[in-house]
Protein backbone atom coordinates (compact mmCIF):
# COMPACT_ATOMS: atom_id res chain seq x y z
CA UNK A 1 6.57 -20.05 -9.12
CA UNK A 2 4.30 -23.09 -9.40
CA UNK A 3 0.92 -21.29 -9.43
CA UNK A 4 -0.40 -19.97 -12.73
CA UNK A 5 -3.23 -17.42 -13.11
CA UNK A 6 -5.23 -20.08 -14.89
CA UNK A 7 -4.99 -22.17 -11.66
CA UNK A 8 -6.75 -19.41 -9.80
CA UNK A 9 -9.67 -19.02 -12.17
CA UNK A 10 -11.58 -21.90 -10.63
CA UNK A 11 -11.37 -20.55 -7.11
CA UNK A 12 -14.32 -18.86 -5.45
CA UNK A 13 -13.97 -15.25 -4.24
CA UNK A 14 -13.79 -16.56 -0.67
CA UNK A 15 -11.03 -18.96 -1.59
CA UNK A 16 -9.05 -16.17 -3.40
CA UNK A 17 -9.40 -13.86 -0.38
CA UNK A 18 -8.20 -16.67 1.84
CA UNK A 19 -5.18 -17.17 -0.46
CA UNK A 20 -4.44 -13.49 -0.42
CA UNK A 21 -4.65 -13.55 3.42
CA UNK A 22 -2.26 -16.49 3.64
CA UNK A 23 0.18 -14.87 1.25
CA UNK A 24 0.12 -11.64 3.17
CA UNK A 25 0.66 -13.42 6.57
CA UNK A 26 3.61 -15.26 5.03
CA UNK A 27 5.22 -12.05 3.89
CA UNK A 28 4.62 -10.36 7.23
CA UNK A 29 6.09 -13.36 9.08
CA UNK A 30 9.17 -13.42 6.84
CA UNK A 31 12.42 -12.40 8.54
CA UNK A 32 13.45 -10.60 5.35
CA UNK A 33 12.88 -6.92 5.64
CA UNK A 34 12.01 -5.01 2.48
CA UNK A 35 14.40 -2.14 2.59
CA UNK A 36 13.68 1.22 0.96
CA UNK A 37 16.05 2.44 -1.64
CA UNK A 38 18.20 5.55 -0.94
CA UNK A 39 15.89 7.54 -3.23
CA UNK A 40 12.79 6.38 -1.34
CA UNK A 41 14.34 7.19 1.99
CA UNK A 42 15.38 10.61 0.81
CA UNK A 43 11.85 11.37 -0.49
CA UNK A 44 10.34 10.28 2.82
CA UNK A 45 12.74 12.50 4.75
CA UNK A 46 11.98 15.44 2.44
CA UNK A 47 8.15 14.94 2.81
CA UNK A 48 8.41 14.67 6.59
CA UNK A 49 10.55 17.89 6.74
CA UNK A 50 7.94 19.70 4.59
CA UNK A 51 5.21 18.48 6.79
CA UNK A 52 6.88 19.75 9.99
CA UNK A 53 7.82 23.04 8.35
CA UNK A 54 4.31 23.93 7.30
CA UNK A 55 1.64 21.43 8.45
CA UNK A 56 -1.26 23.45 7.02
CA UNK A 57 0.24 23.44 3.57
CA UNK A 58 0.72 19.74 3.40
CA UNK A 59 -2.41 18.50 5.27
CA UNK A 60 -5.45 17.39 3.26
CA UNK A 61 -8.62 16.49 5.06
CA UNK A 62 -10.41 13.18 4.28
CA UNK A 63 -13.37 14.86 2.48
CA UNK A 64 -11.04 16.50 -0.02
CA UNK A 65 -9.05 13.28 -0.51
CA UNK A 66 -12.26 11.34 -1.16
CA UNK A 67 -13.55 13.95 -3.65
CA UNK A 68 -10.30 13.83 -5.51
CA UNK A 69 -10.27 10.08 -5.61
CA UNK A 70 -13.83 9.48 -6.52
CA UNK A 71 -14.71 12.77 -8.28
CA UNK A 72 -17.46 13.63 -5.81
CA UNK A 73 -18.24 17.16 -4.89
């Protein structure tokens, strides 16, 4: 890769955000699909099955998530 972290140091925040946006767009436009591993697929299937089996046990409301993330009560 031709870009080094030191090359980015002189960019403004707006320029860095624009670069991130361009990178993200190029990834999204890529024809290459990022495939999940067998382990990741199995985990997603298991989580989905648990969610359907008992939605109340696996559902967390946003207030609780926010409190856990940010330590607010």
